[in-house]
Protein backbone atom coordinates (compact mmCIF):
# COMPACT_ATOMS: atom_id res chain seq x y z
CA UNK A 1 35.36 -85.29 -16.20
CA UNK A 2 37.80 -88.21 -16.14
CA UNK A 3 39.39 -88.94 -12.85
CA UNK A 4 42.99 -89.97 -13.08
CA UNK A 5 44.01 -92.78 -10.82
CA UNK A 6 47.00 -92.10 -8.71
CA UNK A 7 49.68 -94.68 -9.16
CA UNK A 8 51.56 -95.64 -6.07
CA UNK A 9 55.15 -96.41 -6.79
CA UNK A 10 56.85 -98.85 -4.56
CA UNK A 11 60.42 -98.18 -3.76
CA UNK A 12 62.49 -100.88 -5.37
CA UNK A 13 64.97 -101.45 -2.65
CA UNK A 14 67.29 -104.34 -3.01
CA UNK A 15 67.22 -106.85 -0.25
CA UNK A 16 70.45 -106.96 1.69
CA UNK A 17 72.80 -109.64 0.43
CA UNK A 18 72.89 -112.74 2.53
CA UNK A 19 76.22 -113.37 4.11
CA UNK A 20 77.36 -116.77 2.97
CA UNK A 21 80.16 -118.82 4.46
CA UNK A 22 83.42 -118.15 2.66
CA UNK A 23 83.81 -121.82 1.72
CA UNK A 24 80.47 -121.74 -0.10
CA UNK A 25 81.41 -118.54 -1.93
CA UNK A 26 84.76 -120.00 -2.98
CA UNK A 27 83.07 -123.14 -4.27
CA UNK A 28 80.62 -121.00 -6.23
CA UNK A 29 83.46 -118.98 -7.77
CA UNK A 30 85.36 -122.14 -8.66
CA UNK A 31 82.29 -123.49 -10.44
CA UNK A 32 81.87 -120.28 -12.43
CA UNK A 33 85.55 -120.36 -13.35
CA UNK A 34 85.23 -123.94 -14.60
CA UNK A 35 82.44 -122.82 -16.91
CA UNK A 36 83.92 -119.54 -18.13
CA UNK A 37 87.53 -120.49 -18.82
CA UNK A 38 86.83 -123.11 -21.51
CA UNK A 39 84.29 -120.74 -23.12
CA UNK A 40 86.82 -117.91 -23.15
CA UNK A 41 89.57 -120.15 -24.53
CA UNK A 42 87.24 -121.31 -27.32
CA UNK A 43 86.38 -117.75 -28.29
CA UNK A 44 90.05 -116.74 -28.35
CA UNK A 45 90.85 -119.74 -30.57
CA UNK A 46 88.02 -118.78 -32.93
CA UNK A 47 89.31 -115.22 -33.20
CA UNK A 48 92.84 -116.43 -33.83
CA UNK A 49 91.54 -118.76 -36.55
CA UNK A 50 89.67 -115.91 -38.25
CA UNK A 51 92.71 -113.61 -38.08
CA UNK A 52 94.84 -116.24 -39.80
CA UNK A 53 92.11 -117.14 -42.31
CA UNK A 54 91.65 -113.50 -43.35
CA UNK A 55 95.42 -113.07 -43.64
CA UNK A 56 95.53 -110.38 -40.99
CA UNK A 57 98.27 -112.15 -39.05
CA UNK A 58 100.44 -115.24 -39.26
CA UNK A 59 100.97 -118.11 -36.86
CA UNK A 60 104.28 -116.54 -35.84
CA UNK A 61 102.48 -113.27 -35.01
CA UNK A 62 100.12 -115.15 -32.69
CA UNK A 63 102.99 -117.07 -31.13
CA UNK A 64 104.91 -113.84 -30.45
CA UNK A 65 101.78 -112.25 -28.96
CA UNK A 66 101.36 -115.18 -26.57
CA UNK A 67 105.01 -114.95 -25.54
CA UNK A 68 104.60 -111.20 -24.94
CA UNK A 69 101.59 -111.84 -22.68
CA UNK A 70 103.50 -114.47 -20.70
CA UNK A 71 106.36 -111.99 -20.17
CA UNK A 72 103.91 -109.30 -19.05
CA UNK A 73 102.19 -111.67 -16.62
CA UNK A 74 105.47 -112.71 -15.03
CA UNK A 75 106.62 -109.12 -14.45
C-alpha cells in the first residue's frame, strides 16, 4: 500500500505595502513617466506610419485626429 504524503499549503498572503513618503512616491512616478512617455510616443508614431504606408489613412486624417483629441482634452 502506497502512503500518500500530505502536502501542506502555505497561505500566500501578501505582505502589507510599506508606506513610503509621498516625495519618494512622486519621484518614483516621475521616473516611470519619463520612461513610458517616449516609448508610447514611439509606438504611436510607428502605428501612424503603418496606417499611411498601407493607405488606410492620409496625413490629413492623422492631423484631424490629433486636432480632435486636443479639442476633447480641453473640454
